[in-house]
Amino acid sequence: MEPVILDITDVLDLHTFQPRDVPDLIDDYLTACVEKGLHSVRIIHGKGTGIMKARVRRILARHARVESFTDAPLASGGWGATLVQLYPEAASTG
């Protein structure tokens, strides 16, 4: 299967992706964001039962490029989205 090329913006909506692809997708996305100079991004995982949110947050908690994360404000998705602060590229390459 051919890779999907996405424009890198400060928002990643996971609704169109298969759950099995989420870990690699988030890793690639965060790396691309730092390379592009984006240090504050929003990942939309949806509200649902909270399973995807928990999975996303486990990935973020272990990711070397992630400085912090929190629920998005209500106007930006509330608990259906997570705001992520990323370390600048120099800080993440250690």
N, C-alpha and C. Protein backbone atom coordinates (compact mmCIF):
# COMPACT_ATOMS: atom_id res chain seq x y z
N MET A 1 0.84 -1.17 0.00
CA MET A 1 0.00 0.00 0.00
C MET A 1 0.88 1.24 0.00
N GLU A 2 0.52 2.23 -0.78
CA GLU A 2 1.25 3.49 -0.87
C GLU A 2 1.05 4.32 0.40
N PRO A 3 2.09 5.00 0.87
CA PRO A 3 1.91 5.87 2.03
C PRO A 3 1.03 7.06 1.67
N VAL A 4 0.30 7.54 2.65
CA VAL A 4 -0.55 8.71 2.47
C VAL A 4 0.27 9.93 2.85
N ILE A 5 0.32 10.90 1.95
CA ILE A 5 1.05 12.14 2.20
C ILE A 5 0.05 13.18 2.68
N LEU A 6 0.32 13.73 3.86
CA LEU A 6 -0.57 14.73 4.46
C LEU A 6 0.15 16.06 4.57
N ASP A 7 -0.62 17.14 4.44
CA ASP A 7 -0.08 18.45 4.77
C ASP A 7 0.07 18.50 6.28
N ILE A 8 1.20 18.96 6.75
CA ILE A 8 1.43 19.05 8.19
C ILE A 8 0.91 20.40 8.68
N THR A 9 -0.11 20.34 9.51
CA THR A 9 -0.67 21.53 10.15
C THR A 9 -0.62 21.29 11.65
N ASP A 10 -1.15 22.23 12.41
CA ASP A 10 -1.13 22.08 13.87
C ASP A 10 -2.30 21.25 14.40
N VAL A 11 -3.04 20.59 13.50
CA VAL A 11 -4.16 19.73 13.91
C VAL A 11 -4.06 18.39 13.20
N LEU A 12 -4.20 17.32 13.99
CA LEU A 12 -4.25 15.96 13.44
C LEU A 12 -5.55 15.33 13.91
N ASP A 13 -6.43 14.99 12.97
CA ASP A 13 -7.70 14.35 13.27
C ASP A 13 -7.56 12.86 13.02
N LEU A 14 -7.67 12.07 14.07
CA LEU A 14 -7.46 10.63 13.97
C LEU A 14 -8.69 9.87 13.47
N HIS A 15 -9.80 10.53 13.27
CA HIS A 15 -11.04 9.84 12.88
C HIS A 15 -10.91 9.05 11.58
N THR A 16 -10.06 9.48 10.68
CA THR A 16 -9.97 8.81 9.37
C THR A 16 -8.91 7.72 9.31
N PHE A 17 -8.28 7.42 10.43
CA PHE A 17 -7.20 6.43 10.46
C PHE A 17 -7.61 5.18 11.23
N GLN A 18 -7.02 4.07 10.86
CA GLN A 18 -7.25 2.81 11.56
C GLN A 18 -6.51 2.86 12.91
N PRO A 19 -7.13 2.34 13.98
CA PRO A 19 -6.47 2.35 15.28
C PRO A 19 -5.07 1.73 15.27
N ARG A 20 -4.86 0.70 14.46
CA ARG A 20 -3.55 0.04 14.42
C ARG A 20 -2.46 0.96 13.87
N ASP A 21 -2.86 2.00 13.11
CA ASP A 21 -1.90 2.93 12.52
C ASP A 21 -1.55 4.10 13.43
N VAL A 22 -2.30 4.27 14.51
CA VAL A 22 -2.16 5.46 15.36
C VAL A 22 -0.77 5.62 15.97
N PRO A 23 -0.14 4.60 16.56
CA PRO A 23 1.18 4.84 17.16
C PRO A 23 2.22 5.36 16.16
N ASP A 24 2.34 4.72 15.01
CA ASP A 24 3.31 5.19 14.01
C ASP A 24 2.91 6.55 13.45
N LEU A 25 1.63 6.76 13.25
CA LEU A 25 1.13 8.03 12.73
C LEU A 25 1.49 9.18 13.67
N ILE A 26 1.23 9.01 14.96
CA ILE A 26 1.53 10.07 15.92
C ILE A 26 3.03 10.34 15.96
N ASP A 27 3.84 9.30 15.96
CA ASP A 27 5.29 9.48 15.98
C ASP A 27 5.75 10.27 14.76
N ASP A 28 5.31 9.86 13.59
CA ASP A 28 5.69 10.55 12.35
C ASP A 28 5.18 12.00 12.34
N TYR A 29 3.95 12.18 12.81
CA TYR A 29 3.34 13.52 12.83
C TYR A 29 4.12 14.46 13.75
N LEU A 30 4.42 14.01 14.96
CA LEU A 30 5.13 14.87 15.90
C LEU A 30 6.53 15.22 15.40
N THR A 31 7.20 14.26 14.80
CA THR A 31 8.52 14.51 14.22
C THR A 31 8.42 15.56 13.11
N ALA A 32 7.44 15.41 12.24
CA ALA A 32 7.25 16.36 11.14
C ALA A 32 6.89 17.76 11.67
N CYS A 33 6.10 17.82 12.72
CA CYS A 33 5.72 19.12 13.29
C CYS A 33 6.95 19.85 13.82
N VAL A 34 7.80 19.16 14.55
CA VAL A 34 9.00 19.79 15.09
C VAL A 34 9.90 20.25 13.95
N GLU A 35 10.06 19.41 12.94
CA GLU A 35 10.89 19.78 11.79
C GLU A 35 10.33 21.01 11.07
N LYS A 36 9.01 21.15 11.08
CA LYS A 36 8.36 22.29 10.43
C LYS A 36 8.32 23.53 11.33
N GLY A 37 8.70 23.37 12.60
CA GLY A 37 8.71 24.50 13.53
C GLY A 37 7.42 24.66 14.31
N LEU A 38 6.55 23.67 14.27
CA LEU A 38 5.31 23.71 15.06
C LEU A 38 5.59 23.13 16.44
N HIS A 39 5.25 23.87 17.48
CA HIS A 39 5.54 23.40 18.83
C HIS A 39 4.30 23.27 19.70
N SER A 40 3.15 23.62 19.15
CA SER A 40 1.89 23.47 19.84
C SER A 40 0.90 22.89 18.83
N VAL A 41 0.41 21.68 19.10
CA VAL A 41 -0.48 21.00 18.16
C VAL A 41 -1.70 20.44 18.90
N ARG A 42 -2.72 20.13 18.13
CA ARG A 42 -3.95 19.54 18.69
C ARG A 42 -4.21 18.22 17.99
N ILE A 43 -4.39 17.17 18.78
CA ILE A 43 -4.73 15.86 18.25
C ILE A 43 -6.17 15.56 18.61
N ILE A 44 -6.99 15.38 17.58
CA ILE A 44 -8.41 15.09 17.77
C ILE A 44 -8.59 13.57 17.77
N HIS A 45 -9.00 13.04 18.90
CA HIS A 45 -9.20 11.60 19.04
C HIS A 45 -10.67 11.25 19.22
N GLY A 46 -11.50 12.24 19.45
CA GLY A 46 -12.92 12.01 19.67
C GLY A 46 -13.22 11.70 21.13
N LYS A 47 -14.49 11.77 21.45
CA LYS A 47 -14.91 11.52 22.83
C LYS A 47 -15.20 10.04 23.04
N GLY A 48 -16.15 9.50 22.35
CA GLY A 48 -16.46 8.07 22.43
C GLY A 48 -16.41 7.51 23.83
N THR A 49 -15.78 6.36 23.96
CA THR A 49 -15.68 5.69 25.26
C THR A 49 -14.41 6.09 26.00
N GLY A 50 -13.53 6.82 25.36
CA GLY A 50 -12.28 7.25 25.98
C GLY A 50 -11.11 6.33 25.70
N ILE A 51 -11.35 5.25 24.97
CA ILE A 51 -10.26 4.29 24.69
C ILE A 51 -9.19 4.92 23.82
N MET A 52 -9.58 5.61 22.76
CA MET A 52 -8.59 6.23 21.87
C MET A 52 -7.85 7.36 22.59
N LYS A 53 -8.56 8.14 23.38
CA LYS A 53 -7.92 9.20 24.15
C LYS A 53 -6.84 8.62 25.05
N ALA A 54 -7.16 7.55 25.76
CA ALA A 54 -6.20 6.92 26.66
C ALA A 54 -4.99 6.39 25.87
N ARG A 55 -5.25 5.82 24.72
CA ARG A 55 -4.16 5.29 23.89
C ARG A 55 -3.24 6.43 23.41
N VAL A 56 -3.85 7.51 22.93
CA VAL A 56 -3.08 8.67 22.47
C VAL A 56 -2.22 9.20 23.61
N ARG A 57 -2.80 9.31 24.79
CA ARG A 57 -2.06 9.88 25.91
C ARG A 57 -0.93 8.96 26.40
N ARG A 58 -1.11 7.66 26.29
CA ARG A 58 -0.01 6.74 26.62
C ARG A 58 1.16 6.95 25.65
N ILE A 59 0.83 7.12 24.37
CA ILE A 59 1.86 7.38 23.37
C ILE A 59 2.57 8.70 23.66
N LEU A 60 1.80 9.74 23.94
CA LEU A 60 2.37 11.06 24.22
C LEU A 60 3.25 11.05 25.46
N ALA A 61 2.83 10.32 26.49
CA ALA A 61 3.57 10.28 27.76
C ALA A 61 4.97 9.68 27.58
N ARG A 62 5.15 8.82 26.59
CA ARG A 62 6.43 8.16 26.35
C ARG A 62 7.24 8.82 25.23
N HIS A 63 6.67 9.79 24.56
CA HIS A 63 7.31 10.35 23.37
C HIS A 63 8.35 11.40 23.75
N ALA A 64 9.56 11.26 23.22
CA ALA A 64 10.67 12.15 23.56
C ALA A 64 10.45 13.60 23.12
N ARG A 65 9.63 13.84 22.12
CA ARG A 65 9.42 15.20 21.62
C ARG A 65 8.32 15.95 22.39
N VAL A 66 7.59 15.26 23.26
CA VAL A 66 6.45 15.86 23.96
C VAL A 66 6.89 16.46 25.29
N GLU A 67 6.66 17.76 25.42
CA GLU A 67 6.96 18.46 26.68
C GLU A 67 5.79 18.30 27.64
N SER A 68 4.55 18.49 27.14
CA SER A 68 3.36 18.35 27.99
C SER A 68 2.14 18.18 27.10
N PHE A 69 1.02 17.77 27.73
CA PHE A 69 -0.25 17.68 27.02
C PHE A 69 -1.40 17.84 28.01
N THR A 70 -2.54 18.28 27.48
CA THR A 70 -3.72 18.53 28.30
C THR A 70 -4.96 18.48 27.43
N ASP A 71 -6.14 18.43 28.05
CA ASP A 71 -7.39 18.52 27.29
C ASP A 71 -7.45 19.86 26.56
N ALA A 72 -8.02 19.84 25.39
CA ALA A 72 -8.23 21.07 24.63
C ALA A 72 -9.34 21.89 25.30
N PRO A 73 -9.34 23.22 25.11
CA PRO A 73 -10.46 24.03 25.59
C PRO A 73 -11.75 23.56 24.93
N LEU A 74 -12.86 23.84 25.55
CA LEU A 74 -14.17 23.41 25.04
C LEU A 74 -14.37 23.83 23.59
N ALA A 75 -13.98 25.04 23.23
CA ALA A 75 -14.16 25.54 21.87
C ALA A 75 -13.29 24.81 20.85
N SER A 76 -12.28 24.07 21.32
CA SER A 76 -11.36 23.36 20.43
C SER A 76 -11.49 21.85 20.54
N GLY A 77 -12.59 21.38 21.10
CA GLY A 77 -12.82 19.95 21.18
C GLY A 77 -12.97 19.39 22.57
N GLY A 78 -12.65 20.18 23.59
CA GLY A 78 -12.78 19.71 24.97
C GLY A 78 -12.05 18.40 25.18
N TRP A 79 -12.68 17.48 25.87
CA TRP A 79 -12.00 16.20 26.16
C TRP A 79 -11.96 15.26 24.96
N GLY A 80 -12.45 15.73 23.80
CA GLY A 80 -12.34 14.96 22.57
C GLY A 80 -11.08 15.28 21.78
N ALA A 81 -10.24 16.16 22.35
CA ALA A 81 -8.98 16.53 21.70
C ALA A 81 -7.93 16.81 22.76
N THR A 82 -6.70 16.63 22.39
CA THR A 82 -5.59 16.85 23.31
C THR A 82 -4.64 17.88 22.71
N LEU A 83 -4.32 18.90 23.51
CA LEU A 83 -3.32 19.89 23.11
C LEU A 83 -1.95 19.37 23.54
N VAL A 84 -0.98 19.48 22.65
CA VAL A 84 0.35 18.94 22.90
C VAL A 84 1.38 20.05 22.71
N GLN A 85 2.26 20.20 23.68
CA GLN A 85 3.39 21.11 23.57
C GLN A 85 4.62 20.28 23.27
N LEU A 86 5.35 20.67 22.22
CA LEU A 86 6.52 19.92 21.78
C LEU A 86 7.80 20.67 22.11
N TYR A 87 8.84 19.91 22.41
CA TYR A 87 10.16 20.51 22.59
C TYR A 87 10.67 20.98 21.23
N PRO A 88 11.44 22.07 21.21
CA PRO A 88 12.10 22.46 19.96
C PRO A 88 13.02 21.33 19.49
N GLU A 89 13.35 21.31 18.23
CA GLU A 89 14.14 20.21 17.65
C GLU A 89 15.46 19.99 18.39
N ALA A 90 16.18 21.03 18.70
CA ALA A 90 17.48 20.87 19.38
C ALA A 90 17.33 20.18 20.73
N ALA A 91 16.26 20.49 21.47
CA ALA A 91 16.06 19.90 22.79
C ALA A 91 15.68 18.43 22.69
N SER A 92 14.99 18.02 21.62
CA SER A 92 14.50 16.65 21.53
C SER A 92 15.54 15.67 20.99
N THR A 93 16.61 16.18 20.41
CA THR A 93 17.61 15.28 19.81
C THR A 93 18.69 14.89 20.82
N GLY A 94 18.67 15.53 22.01
CA GLY A 94 19.49 15.19 23.14
C GLY A 94 20.90 15.05 22.91
